[in-house]
Amino acid sequence: MKLIYVAHPYGGDPDNLENIKKLINDLTIDYPDDYVFISPVPLWEEAYRVMDYMPGMDKCLELLSRCDELWLAHNWYESRGCMIEYGYALGAELPIRYQSNNNRLEFKEWAND
């Protein structure tokens, strides 16, 4: 099984938190045998309220460093945190997938060309 880090915009928005939880649940149901999905947002939502931004990102990148792939969800390119995670994954040469349609659980491979 592969450990998949799911990056999704958060920004303290409760709707984003619910969307992330739903996405992780849906992915787990759709890919029950091949992947384990993890996102730092539901794990550390309370800590984000008191933690400075960069120490929080350091924790996210530590978690990402232990994963096999990065999957970028929703409007990830509008999120500073997701862009940092994307840059880290590129540098670490992790496989990257991105959500090709915000209404579906379809993720396409990122071409690093």
PDB file of N, CA and C in Angstrom:
ATOM      1  N   MET A   1       0.834  -1.193   0.000  1.00  0.00           N
ATOM      2  CA  MET A   1       0.000   0.000   0.000  1.00  0.00           C
ATOM      3  C   MET A   1       0.867   1.241   0.000  1.00  0.00           C
ATOM      4  N   LYS A   2       0.393   2.261  -0.700  1.00  0.00           N
ATOM      5  CA  LYS A   2       1.100   3.532  -0.738  1.00  0.00           C
ATOM      6  C   LYS A   2       0.444   4.521   0.215  1.00  0.00           C
ATOM      7  N   LEU A   3       1.287   5.318   0.880  1.00  0.00           N
ATOM      8  CA  LEU A   3       0.808   6.382   1.754  1.00  0.00           C
ATOM      9  C   LEU A   3       0.733   7.657   0.915  1.00  0.00           C
ATOM     10  N   ILE A   4      -0.464   8.218   0.810  1.00  0.00           N
ATOM     11  CA  ILE A   4      -0.712   9.371  -0.051  1.00  0.00           C
ATOM     12  C   ILE A   4      -1.022  10.592   0.799  1.00  0.00           C
ATOM     13  N   TYR A   5      -0.258  11.653   0.569  1.00  0.00           N
ATOM     14  CA  TYR A   5      -0.473  12.947   1.225  1.00  0.00           C
ATOM     15  C   TYR A   5      -1.431  13.738   0.333  1.00  0.00           C
ATOM     16  N   VAL A   6      -2.546  14.134   0.886  1.00  0.00           N
ATOM     17  CA  VAL A   6      -3.535  14.910   0.135  1.00  0.00           C
ATOM     18  C   VAL A   6      -3.428  16.364   0.570  1.00  0.00           C
ATOM     19  N   ALA A   7      -3.068  17.226  -0.380  1.00  0.00           N
ATOM     20  CA  ALA A   7      -2.971  18.669  -0.130  1.00  0.00           C
ATOM     21  C   ALA A   7      -4.237  19.334  -0.644  1.00  0.00           C
ATOM     22  N   HIS A   8      -4.833  20.164   0.199  1.00  0.00           N
ATOM     23  CA  HIS A   8      -6.096  20.841  -0.107  1.00  0.00           C
ATOM     24  C   HIS A   8      -6.055  22.190   0.602  1.00  0.00           C
ATOM     25  N   PRO A   9      -6.512  23.252  -0.035  1.00  0.00           N
ATOM     26  CA  PRO A   9      -6.545  24.542   0.662  1.00  0.00           C
ATOM     27  C   PRO A   9      -7.345  24.458   1.958  1.00  0.00           C
ATOM     28  N   TYR A  10      -6.862  25.175   2.982  1.00  0.00           N
ATOM     29  CA  TYR A  10      -7.575  25.214   4.258  1.00  0.00           C
ATOM     30  C   TYR A  10      -7.832  26.654   4.692  1.00  0.00           C
ATOM     31  N   GLY A  11      -6.794  27.372   5.086  1.00  0.00           N
ATOM     32  CA  GLY A  11      -6.935  28.781   5.454  1.00  0.00           C
ATOM     33  C   GLY A  11      -7.864  29.041   6.623  1.00  0.00           C
ATOM     34  N   GLY A  12      -8.068  28.039   7.486  1.00  0.00           N
ATOM     35  CA  GLY A  12      -8.936  28.209   8.642  1.00  0.00           C
ATOM     36  C   GLY A  12     -10.417  28.185   8.323  1.00  0.00           C
ATOM     37  N   ASP A  13     -10.782  27.912   7.084  1.00  0.00           N
ATOM     38  CA  ASP A  13     -12.181  27.908   6.653  1.00  0.00           C
ATOM     39  C   ASP A  13     -12.838  26.578   7.029  1.00  0.00           C
ATOM     40  N   PRO A  14     -13.896  26.612   7.861  1.00  0.00           N
ATOM     41  CA  PRO A  14     -14.559  25.372   8.272  1.00  0.00           C
ATOM     42  C   PRO A  14     -15.118  24.578   7.091  1.00  0.00           C
ATOM     43  N   ASP A  15     -15.543  25.273   6.031  1.00  0.00           N
ATOM     44  CA  ASP A  15     -16.038  24.557   4.844  1.00  0.00           C
ATOM     45  C   ASP A  15     -14.919  23.757   4.188  1.00  0.00           C
ATOM     46  N   ASN A  16     -13.717  24.341   4.126  1.00  0.00           N
ATOM     47  CA  ASN A  16     -12.578  23.614   3.569  1.00  0.00           C
ATOM     48  C   ASN A  16     -12.259  22.387   4.411  1.00  0.00           C
ATOM     49  N   LEU A  17     -12.337  22.527   5.723  1.00  0.00           N
ATOM     50  CA  LEU A  17     -12.086  21.385   6.605  1.00  0.00           C
ATOM     51  C   LEU A  17     -13.066  20.256   6.303  1.00  0.00           C
ATOM     52  N   GLU A  18     -14.319  20.582   6.179  1.00  0.00           N
ATOM     53  CA  GLU A  18     -15.330  19.559   5.865  1.00  0.00           C
ATOM     54  C   GLU A  18     -15.089  18.948   4.491  1.00  0.00           C
ATOM     55  N   ASN A  19     -14.696  19.771   3.520  1.00  0.00           N
ATOM     56  CA  ASN A  19     -14.400  19.256   2.176  1.00  0.00           C
ATOM     57  C   ASN A  19     -13.218  18.297   2.205  1.00  0.00           C
ATOM     58  N   ILE A  20     -12.202  18.620   3.003  1.00  0.00           N
ATOM     59  CA  ILE A  20     -11.029  17.752   3.122  1.00  0.00           C
ATOM     60  C   ILE A  20     -11.429  16.416   3.748  1.00  0.00           C
ATOM     61  N   LYS A  21     -12.192  16.475   4.832  1.00  0.00           N
ATOM     62  CA  LYS A  21     -12.634  15.240   5.490  1.00  0.00           C
ATOM     63  C   LYS A  21     -13.438  14.364   4.535  1.00  0.00           C
ATOM     64  N   LYS A  22     -14.340  14.987   3.773  1.00  0.00           N
ATOM     65  CA  LYS A  22     -15.160  14.241   2.818  1.00  0.00           C
ATOM     66  C   LYS A  22     -14.283  13.638   1.724  1.00  0.00           C
ATOM     67  N   LEU A  23     -13.330  14.413   1.227  1.00  0.00           N
ATOM     68  CA  LEU A  23     -12.453  13.914   0.178  1.00  0.00           C
ATOM     69  C   LEU A  23     -11.646  12.712   0.663  1.00  0.00           C
ATOM     70  N   ILE A  24     -11.055  12.803   1.846  1.00  0.00           N
ATOM     71  CA  ILE A  24     -10.277  11.683   2.391  1.00  0.00           C
ATOM     72  C   ILE A  24     -11.171  10.452   2.529  1.00  0.00           C
ATOM     73  N   ASN A  25     -12.367  10.636   3.032  1.00  0.00           N
ATOM     74  CA  ASN A  25     -13.303   9.529   3.178  1.00  0.00           C
ATOM     75  C   ASN A  25     -13.651   8.930   1.820  1.00  0.00           C
ATOM     76  N   ASP A  26     -13.982   9.778   0.839  1.00  0.00           N
ATOM     77  CA  ASP A  26     -14.360   9.291  -0.489  1.00  0.00           C
ATOM     78  C   ASP A  26     -13.201   8.561  -1.170  1.00  0.00           C
ATOM     79  N   LEU A  27     -11.998   9.110  -1.053  1.00  0.00           N
ATOM     80  CA  LEU A  27     -10.835   8.446  -1.644  1.00  0.00           C
ATOM     81  C   LEU A  27     -10.591   7.087  -0.997  1.00  0.00           C
ATOM     82  N   THR A  28     -10.741   7.025   0.310  1.00  0.00           N
ATOM     83  CA  THR A  28     -10.544   5.765   1.031  1.00  0.00           C
ATOM     84  C   THR A  28     -11.546   4.714   0.565  1.00  0.00           C
ATOM     85  N   ILE A  29     -12.763   5.130   0.308  1.00  0.00           N
ATOM     86  CA  ILE A  29     -13.791   4.200  -0.189  1.00  0.00           C
ATOM     87  C   ILE A  29     -13.505   3.789  -1.630  1.00  0.00           C
ATOM     88  N   ASP A  30     -13.103   4.745  -2.478  1.00  0.00           N
ATOM     89  CA  ASP A  30     -12.865   4.457  -3.892  1.00  0.00           C
ATOM     90  C   ASP A  30     -11.576   3.678  -4.143  1.00  0.00           C
ATOM     91  N   TYR A  31     -10.595   3.809  -3.265  1.00  0.00           N
ATOM     92  CA  TYR A  31      -9.304   3.125  -3.417  1.00  0.00           C
ATOM     93  C   TYR A  31      -8.995   2.323  -2.149  1.00  0.00           C
ATOM     94  N   PRO A  32      -9.820   1.334  -1.813  1.00  0.00           N
ATOM     95  CA  PRO A  32      -9.676   0.669  -0.510  1.00  0.00           C
ATOM     96  C   PRO A  32      -8.439  -0.205  -0.356  1.00  0.00           C
ATOM     97  N   ASP A  33      -7.890  -0.716  -1.436  1.00  0.00           N
ATOM     98  CA  ASP A  33      -6.830  -1.707  -1.314  1.00  0.00           C
ATOM     99  C   ASP A  33      -5.436  -1.200  -1.652  1.00  0.00           C
ATOM    100  N   ASP A  34      -5.344  -0.069  -2.328  1.00  0.00           N
ATOM    101  CA  ASP A  34      -4.062   0.359  -2.862  1.00  0.00           C
ATOM    102  C   ASP A  34      -3.397   1.493  -2.093  1.00  0.00           C
ATOM    103  N   TYR A  35      -4.199   2.299  -1.398  1.00  0.00           N
ATOM    104  CA  TYR A  35      -3.682   3.533  -0.826  1.00  0.00           C
ATOM    105  C   TYR A  35      -4.194   3.775   0.595  1.00  0.00           C
ATOM    106  N   VAL A  36      -3.378   4.500   1.359  1.00  0.00           N
ATOM    107  CA  VAL A  36      -3.798   5.079   2.631  1.00  0.00           C
ATOM    108  C   VAL A  36      -3.658   6.586   2.445  1.00  0.00           C
ATOM    109  N   PHE A  37      -4.744   7.313   2.650  1.00  0.00           N
ATOM    110  CA  PHE A  37      -4.767   8.765   2.429  1.00  0.00           C
ATOM    111  C   PHE A  37      -4.659   9.505   3.754  1.00  0.00           C
ATOM    112  N   ILE A  38      -3.853  10.585   3.736  1.00  0.00           N
ATOM    113  CA  ILE A  38      -3.662  11.371   4.946  1.00  0.00           C
ATOM    114  C   ILE A  38      -3.589  12.849   4.571  1.00  0.00           C
ATOM    115  N   SER A  39      -4.143  13.661   5.434  1.00  0.00           N
ATOM    116  CA  SER A  39      -4.065  15.115   5.286  1.00  0.00           C
ATOM    117  C   SER A  39      -3.749  15.699   6.653  1.00  0.00           C
ATOM    118  N   PRO A  40      -2.861  16.698   6.709  1.00  0.00           N
ATOM    119  CA  PRO A  40      -2.532  17.287   7.998  1.00  0.00           C
ATOM    120  C   PRO A  40      -3.662  18.135   8.586  1.00  0.00           C
ATOM    121  N   VAL A  41      -4.557  18.607   7.748  1.00  0.00           N
ATOM    122  CA  VAL A  41      -5.581  19.549   8.232  1.00  0.00           C
ATOM    123  C   VAL A  41      -6.481  18.929   9.301  1.00  0.00           C
ATOM    124  N   PRO A  42      -7.120  17.788   9.047  1.00  0.00           N
ATOM    125  CA  PRO A  42      -7.947  17.218  10.120  1.00  0.00           C
ATOM    126  C   PRO A  42      -7.117  16.783  11.333  1.00  0.00           C
ATOM    127  N   LEU A  43      -5.856  16.426  11.104  1.00  0.00           N
ATOM    128  CA  LEU A  43      -5.000  16.002  12.208  1.00  0.00           C
ATOM    129  C   LEU A  43      -4.694  17.147  13.168  1.00  0.00           C
ATOM    130  N   TRP A  44      -4.414  18.326  12.587  1.00  0.00           N
ATOM    131  CA  TRP A  44      -3.892  19.424  13.387  1.00  0.00           C
ATOM    132  C   TRP A  44      -4.755  20.677  13.339  1.00  0.00           C
ATOM    133  N   GLU A  45      -6.037  20.544  13.032  1.00  0.00           N
ATOM    134  CA  GLU A  45      -6.872  21.736  12.876  1.00  0.00           C
ATOM    135  C   GLU A  45      -6.854  22.637  14.111  1.00  0.00           C
ATOM    136  N   GLU A  46      -6.863  22.074  15.279  1.00  0.00           N
ATOM    137  CA  GLU A  46      -6.834  22.885  16.506  1.00  0.00           C
ATOM    138  C   GLU A  46      -5.470  23.541  16.699  1.00  0.00           C
ATOM    139  N   ALA A  47      -4.409  22.813  16.403  1.00  0.00           N
ATOM    140  CA  ALA A  47      -3.054  23.353  16.568  1.00  0.00           C
ATOM    141  C   ALA A  47      -2.810  24.512  15.609  1.00  0.00           C
ATOM    142  N   TYR A  48      -3.438  24.460  14.423  1.00  0.00           N
ATOM    143  CA  TYR A  48      -3.264  25.544  13.453  1.00  0.00           C
ATOM    144  C   TYR A  48      -3.714  26.887  14.012  1.00  0.00           C
ATOM    145  N   ARG A  49      -4.631  26.864  14.940  1.00  0.00           N
ATOM    146  CA  ARG A  49      -5.156  28.119  15.511  1.00  0.00           C
ATOM    147  C   ARG A  49      -4.125  28.830  16.393  1.00  0.00           C
ATOM    148  N   VAL A  50      -3.173  28.088  16.954  1.00  0.00           N
ATOM    149  CA  VAL A  50      -2.191  28.681  17.875  1.00  0.00           C
ATOM    150  C   VAL A  50      -0.752  28.601  17.366  1.00  0.00           C
ATOM    151  N   MET A  51      -0.528  27.813  16.339  1.00  0.00           N
ATOM    152  CA  MET A  51       0.823  27.602  15.824  1.00  0.00           C
ATOM    153  C   MET A  51       1.157  28.676  14.781  1.00  0.00           C
ATOM    154  N   ASP A  52       2.388  29.161  14.796  1.00  0.00           N
ATOM    155  CA  ASP A  52       2.835  30.054  13.740  1.00  0.00           C
ATOM    156  C   ASP A  52       2.862  29.305  12.413  1.00  0.00           C
ATOM    157  N   TYR A  53       2.756  30.053  11.316  1.00  0.00           N
ATOM    158  CA  TYR A  53       2.596  29.449   9.996  1.00  0.00           C
ATOM    159  C   TYR A  53       3.765  28.529   9.615  1.00  0.00           C
ATOM    160  N   MET A  54       4.980  29.029   9.648  1.00  0.00           N
ATOM    161  CA  MET A  54       6.106  28.221   9.167  1.00  0.00           C
ATOM    162  C   MET A  54       6.400  26.996  10.034  1.00  0.00           C
ATOM    163  N   PRO A  55       6.321  27.069  11.356  1.00  0.00           N
ATOM    164  CA  PRO A  55       6.463  25.813  12.122  1.00  0.00           C
ATOM    165  C   PRO A  55       5.365  24.802  11.751  1.00  0.00           C
ATOM    166  N   GLY A  56       4.177  25.289  11.456  1.00  0.00           N
ATOM    167  CA  GLY A  56       3.107  24.394  11.005  1.00  0.00           C
ATOM    168  C   GLY A  56       3.443  23.759   9.665  1.00  0.00           C
ATOM    169  N   MET A  57       3.983  24.563   8.740  1.00  0.00           N
ATOM    170  CA  MET A  57       4.383  24.023   7.440  1.00  0.00           C
ATOM    171  C   MET A  57       5.521  23.021   7.590  1.00  0.00           C
ATOM    172  N   ASP A  58       6.434  23.276   8.520  1.00  0.00           N
ATOM    173  CA  ASP A  58       7.519  22.322   8.753  1.00  0.00           C
ATOM    174  C   ASP A  58       6.961  20.957   9.144  1.00  0.00           C
ATOM    175  N   LYS A  59       5.918  20.952   9.971  1.00  0.00           N
ATOM    176  CA  LYS A  59       5.285  19.688  10.368  1.00  0.00           C
ATOM    177  C   LYS A  59       4.640  19.016   9.152  1.00  0.00           C
ATOM    178  N   CYS A  60       3.983  19.827   8.316  1.00  0.00           N
ATOM    179  CA  CYS A  60       3.361  19.284   7.110  1.00  0.00           C
ATOM    180  C   CYS A  60       4.412  18.657   6.192  1.00  0.00           C
ATOM    181  N   LEU A  61       5.527  19.343   6.010  1.00  0.00           N
ATOM    182  CA  LEU A  61       6.566  18.825   5.126  1.00  0.00           C
ATOM    183  C   LEU A  61       7.230  17.580   5.705  1.00  0.00           C
ATOM    184  N   GLU A  62       7.339  17.507   7.021  1.00  0.00           N
ATOM    185  CA  GLU A  62       7.858  16.286   7.647  1.00  0.00           C
ATOM    186  C   GLU A  62       6.928  15.116   7.349  1.00  0.00           C
ATOM    187  N   LEU A  63       5.633  15.353   7.477  1.00  0.00           N
ATOM    188  CA  LEU A  63       4.661  14.306   7.156  1.00  0.00           C
ATOM    189  C   LEU A  63       4.752  13.933   5.676  1.00  0.00           C
ATOM    190  N   LEU A  64       4.819  14.933   4.804  1.00  0.00           N
ATOM    191  CA  LEU A  64       4.920  14.681   3.366  1.00  0.00           C
ATOM    192  C   LEU A  64       6.180  13.882   3.040  1.00  0.00           C
ATOM    193  N   SER A  65       7.264  14.132   3.742  1.00  0.00           N
ATOM    194  CA  SER A  65       8.524  13.426   3.471  1.00  0.00           C
ATOM    195  C   SER A  65       8.409  11.926   3.719  1.00  0.00           C
ATOM    196  N   ARG A  66       7.436  11.524   4.482  1.00  0.00           N
ATOM    197  CA  ARG A  66       7.253  10.108   4.805  1.00  0.00           C
ATOM    198  C   ARG A  66       6.236   9.421   3.895  1.00  0.00           C
ATOM    199  N   CYS A  67       5.676  10.202   2.964  1.00  0.00           N
ATOM    200  CA  CYS A  67       4.641   9.673   2.067  1.00  0.00           C
ATOM    201  C   CYS A  67       5.243   9.238   0.731  1.00  0.00           C
ATOM    202  N   ASP A  68       4.490   8.424   0.018  1.00  0.00           N
ATOM    203  CA  ASP A  68       4.925   7.904  -1.269  1.00  0.00           C
ATOM    204  C   ASP A  68       4.535   8.806  -2.437  1.00  0.00           C
ATOM    205  N   GLU A  69       3.452   9.564  -2.282  1.00  0.00           N
ATOM    206  CA  GLU A  69       2.969  10.433  -3.349  1.00  0.00           C
ATOM    207  C   GLU A  69       2.291  11.649  -2.739  1.00  0.00           C
ATOM    208  N   LEU A  70       2.179  12.696  -3.565  1.00  0.00           N
ATOM    209  CA  LEU A  70       1.404  13.888  -3.224  1.00  0.00           C
ATOM    210  C   LEU A  70       0.242  13.976  -4.198  1.00  0.00           C
ATOM    211  N   TRP A  71      -0.966  14.121  -3.656  1.00  0.00           N
ATOM    212  CA  TRP A  71      -2.157  14.352  -4.483  1.00  0.00           C
ATOM    213  C   TRP A  71      -2.668  15.748  -4.141  1.00  0.00           C
ATOM    214  N   LEU A  72      -2.765  16.597  -5.153  1.00  0.00           N
ATOM    215  CA  LEU A  72      -3.186  17.989  -4.991  1.00  0.00           C
ATOM    216  C   LEU A  72      -4.669  18.105  -5.326  1.00  0.00           C
ATOM    217  N   ALA A  73      -5.447  18.665  -4.401  1.00  0.00           N
ATOM    218  CA  ALA A  73      -6.894  18.692  -4.562  1.00  0.00           C
ATOM    219  C   ALA A  73      -7.440  20.111  -4.643  1.00  0.00           C
ATOM    220  N   HIS A  74      -8.632  20.181  -5.195  1.00  0.00           N
ATOM    221  CA  HIS A  74      -9.422  21.407  -5.292  1.00  0.00           C
ATOM    222  C   HIS A  74      -8.587  22.497  -5.963  1.00  0.00           C
ATOM    223  N   ASN A  75      -8.679  23.711  -5.546  1.00  0.00           N
ATOM    224  CA  ASN A  75      -7.918  24.825  -6.125  1.00  0.00           C
ATOM    225  C   ASN A  75      -6.579  24.978  -5.416  1.00  0.00           C
ATOM    226  N   TRP A  76      -5.798  23.928  -5.411  1.00  0.00           N
ATOM    227  CA  TRP A  76      -4.538  23.872  -4.671  1.00  0.00           C
ATOM    228  C   TRP A  76      -3.585  24.991  -5.070  1.00  0.00           C
ATOM    229  N   TYR A  77      -3.604  25.388  -6.316  1.00  0.00           N
ATOM    230  CA  TYR A  77      -2.683  26.407  -6.831  1.00  0.00           C
ATOM    231  C   TYR A  77      -2.981  27.798  -6.282  1.00  0.00           C
ATOM    232  N   GLU A  78      -4.106  27.962  -5.580  1.00  0.00           N
ATOM    233  CA  GLU A  78      -4.454  29.231  -4.941  1.00  0.00           C
ATOM    234  C   GLU A  78      -4.043  29.270  -3.467  1.00  0.00           C
ATOM    235  N   SER A  79      -3.455  28.191  -2.983  1.00  0.00           N
ATOM    236  CA  SER A  79      -3.091  28.059  -1.577  1.00  0.00           C
ATOM    237  C   SER A  79      -1.578  28.131  -1.404  1.00  0.00           C
ATOM    238  N   ARG A  80      -1.125  29.040  -0.559  1.00  0.00           N
ATOM    239  CA  ARG A  80       0.314  29.160  -0.281  1.00  0.00           C
ATOM    240  C   ARG A  80       0.862  27.851   0.273  1.00  0.00           C
ATOM    241  N   GLY A  81       0.134  27.232   1.215  1.00  0.00           N
ATOM    242  CA  GLY A  81       0.594  25.971   1.800  1.00  0.00           C
ATOM    243  C   GLY A  81       0.690  24.854   0.778  1.00  0.00           C
ATOM    244  N   CYS A  82      -0.308  24.725  -0.074  1.00  0.00           N
ATOM    245  CA  CYS A  82      -0.281  23.685  -1.106  1.00  0.00           C
ATOM    246  C   CYS A  82       0.858  23.919  -2.090  1.00  0.00           C
ATOM    247  N   MET A  83       1.136  25.188  -2.394  1.00  0.00           N
ATOM    248  CA  MET A  83       2.242  25.496  -3.302  1.00  0.00           C
ATOM    249  C   MET A  83       3.579  25.122  -2.660  1.00  0.00           C
ATOM    250  N   ILE A  84       3.712  25.336  -1.365  1.00  0.00           N
ATOM    251  CA  ILE A  84       4.931  24.926  -0.659  1.00  0.00           C
ATOM    252  C   ILE A  84       5.066  23.403  -0.701  1.00  0.00           C
ATOM    253  N   GLU A  85       3.967  22.702  -0.454  1.00  0.00           N
ATOM    254  CA  GLU A  85       3.988  21.237  -0.487  1.00  0.00           C
ATOM    255  C   GLU A  85       4.320  20.735  -1.891  1.00  0.00           C
ATOM    256  N   TYR A  86       3.757  21.380  -2.896  1.00  0.00           N
ATOM    257  CA  TYR A  86       4.042  21.022  -4.288  1.00  0.00           C
ATOM    258  C   TYR A  86       5.533  21.212  -4.593  1.00  0.00           C
ATOM    259  N   GLY A  87       6.093  22.354  -4.207  1.00  0.00           N
ATOM    260  CA  GLY A  87       7.512  22.612  -4.431  1.00  0.00           C
ATOM    261  C   GLY A  87       8.394  21.591  -3.734  1.00  0.00           C
ATOM    262  N   TYR A  88       8.016  21.238  -2.514  1.00  0.00           N
ATOM    263  CA  TYR A  88       8.780  20.224  -1.772  1.00  0.00           C
ATOM    264  C   TYR A  88       8.747  18.892  -2.522  1.00  0.00           C
ATOM    265  N   ALA A  89       7.548  18.488  -2.961  1.00  0.00           N
ATOM    266  CA  ALA A  89       7.405  17.206  -3.666  1.00  0.00           C
ATOM    267  C   ALA A  89       8.205  17.198  -4.963  1.00  0.00           C
ATOM    268  N   LEU A  90       8.215  18.312  -5.675  1.00  0.00           N
ATOM    269  CA  LEU A  90       9.032  18.397  -6.893  1.00  0.00           C
ATOM    270  C   LEU A  90      10.501  18.182  -6.560  1.00  0.00           C
ATOM    271  N   GLY A  91      10.985  18.896  -5.553  1.00  0.00           N
ATOM    272  CA  GLY A  91      12.388  18.784  -5.156  1.00  0.00           C
ATOM    273  C   GLY A  91      12.750  17.382  -4.680  1.00  0.00           C
ATOM    274  N   ALA A  92      11.816  16.731  -4.012  1.00  0.00           N
ATOM    275  CA  ALA A  92      12.050  15.374  -3.497  1.00  0.00           C
ATOM    276  C   ALA A  92      11.767  14.303  -4.545  1.00  0.00           C
ATOM    277  N   GLU A  93      11.325  14.737  -5.722  1.00  0.00           N
ATOM    278  CA  GLU A  93      10.981  13.837  -6.823  1.00  0.00           C
ATOM    279  C   GLU A  93       9.921  12.811  -6.443  1.00  0.00           C
ATOM    280  N   LEU A  94       8.955  13.267  -5.646  1.00  0.00           N
ATOM    281  CA  LEU A  94       7.806  12.414  -5.314  1.00  0.00           C
ATOM    282  C   LEU A  94       6.834  12.415  -6.493  1.00  0.00           C
ATOM    283  N   PRO A  95       6.185  11.297  -6.757  1.00  0.00           N
ATOM    284  CA  PRO A  95       5.121  11.319  -7.753  1.00  0.00           C
ATOM    285  C   PRO A  95       4.012  12.282  -7.302  1.00  0.00           C
ATOM    286  N   ILE A  96       3.481  13.018  -8.245  1.00  0.00           N
ATOM    287  CA  ILE A  96       2.447  14.013  -7.961  1.00  0.00           C
ATOM    288  C   ILE A  96       1.246  13.754  -8.859  1.00  0.00           C
ATOM    289  N   ARG A  97       0.079  13.841  -8.267  1.00  0.00           N
ATOM    290  CA  ARG A  97      -1.177  13.804  -9.022  1.00  0.00           C
ATOM    291  C   ARG A  97      -1.963  15.052  -8.644  1.00  0.00           C
ATOM    292  N   TYR A  98      -2.827  15.471  -9.540  1.00  0.00           N
ATOM    293  CA  TYR A  98      -3.666  16.635  -9.258  1.00  0.00           C
ATOM    294  C   TYR A  98      -5.104  16.325  -9.644  1.00  0.00           C
ATOM    295  N   GLN A  99      -6.014  16.964  -8.939  1.00  0.00           N
ATOM    296  CA  GLN A  99      -7.435  16.753  -9.185  1.00  0.00           C
ATOM    297  C   GLN A  99      -7.808  17.489 -10.468  1.00  0.00           C
ATOM    298  N   SER A 100      -8.261  16.728 -11.447  1.00  0.00           N
ATOM    299  CA  SER A 100      -8.536  17.306 -12.748  1.00  0.00           C
ATOM    300  C   SER A 100      -9.928  17.912 -12.853  1.00  0.00           C
ATOM    301  N   ASN A 101     -10.799  17.566 -11.923  1.00  0.00           N
ATOM    302  CA  ASN A 101     -12.169  18.083 -11.930  1.00  0.00           C
ATOM    303  C   ASN A 101     -12.614  18.161 -10.483  1.00  0.00           C
ATOM    304  N   ASN A 102     -12.917  19.357 -10.010  1.00  0.00           N
ATOM    305  CA  ASN A 102     -13.257  19.537  -8.589  1.00  0.00           C
ATOM    306  C   ASN A 102     -14.502  18.788  -8.154  1.00  0.00           C
ATOM    307  N   ASN A 103     -15.285  18.300  -9.072  1.00  0.00           N
ATOM    308  CA  ASN A 103     -16.517  17.606  -8.706  1.00  0.00           C
ATOM    309  C   ASN A 103     -16.371  16.089  -8.732  1.00  0.00           C
ATOM    310  N   ARG A 104     -15.182  15.596  -9.072  1.00  0.00           N
ATOM    311  CA  ARG A 104     -14.993  14.157  -9.171  1.00  0.00           C
ATOM    312  C   ARG A 104     -13.723  13.727  -8.447  1.00  0.00           C
ATOM    313  N   LEU A 105     -13.629  12.457  -8.218  1.00  0.00           N
ATOM    314  CA  LEU A 105     -12.443  11.906  -7.551  1.00  0.00           C
ATOM    315  C   LEU A 105     -11.440  11.420  -8.588  1.00  0.00           C
ATOM    316  N   GLU A 106     -11.209  12.243  -9.581  1.00  0.00           N
ATOM    317  CA  GLU A 106     -10.284  11.899 -10.638  1.00  0.00           C
ATOM    318  C   GLU A 106      -8.995  12.695 -10.472  1.00  0.00           C
ATOM    319  N   PHE A 107      -7.889  11.983 -10.334  1.00  0.00           N
ATOM    320  CA  PHE A 107      -6.593  12.621 -10.176  1.00  0.00           C
ATOM    321  C   PHE A 107      -5.697  12.163 -11.317  1.00  0.00           C
ATOM    322  N   LYS A 108      -5.059  13.109 -11.981  1.00  0.00           N
ATOM    323  CA  LYS A 108      -4.172  12.806 -13.097  1.00  0.00           C
ATOM    324  C   LYS A 108      -2.720  12.940 -12.667  1.00  0.00           C
ATOM    325  N   GLU A 109      -1.847  12.189 -13.333  1.00  0.00           N
ATOM    326  CA  GLU A 109      -0.422  12.288 -13.044  1.00  0.00           C
ATOM    327  C   GLU A 109       0.114  13.633 -13.482  1.00  0.00           C
ATOM    328  N   TRP A 110       1.015  14.183 -12.669  1.00  0.00           N
ATOM    329  CA  TRP A 110       1.675  15.437 -12.992  1.00  0.00           C
ATOM    330  C   TRP A 110       2.896  15.116 -13.843  1.00  0.00           C
ATOM    331  N   ALA A 111       3.043  15.801 -14.960  1.00  0.00           N
ATOM    332  CA  ALA A 111       4.220  15.625 -15.811  1.00  0.00           C
ATOM    333  C   ALA A 111       5.276  16.634 -15.367  1.00  0.00           C
ATOM    334  N   ASN A 112       6.404  16.174 -14.907  1.00  0.00           N
ATOM    335  CA  ASN A 112       7.475  17.044 -14.408  1.00  0.00           C
ATOM    336  C   ASN A 112       8.422  17.477 -15.516  1.00  0.00           C
ATOM    337  N   ASP A 113       7.887  17.730 -16.688  1.00  0.00           N
ATOM    338  CA  ASP A 113       8.727  18.150 -17.823  1.00  0.00           C
ATOM    339  C   ASP A 113       8.919  19.649 -17.857  1.00  0.00           C
TER     340      ASP A 113
END
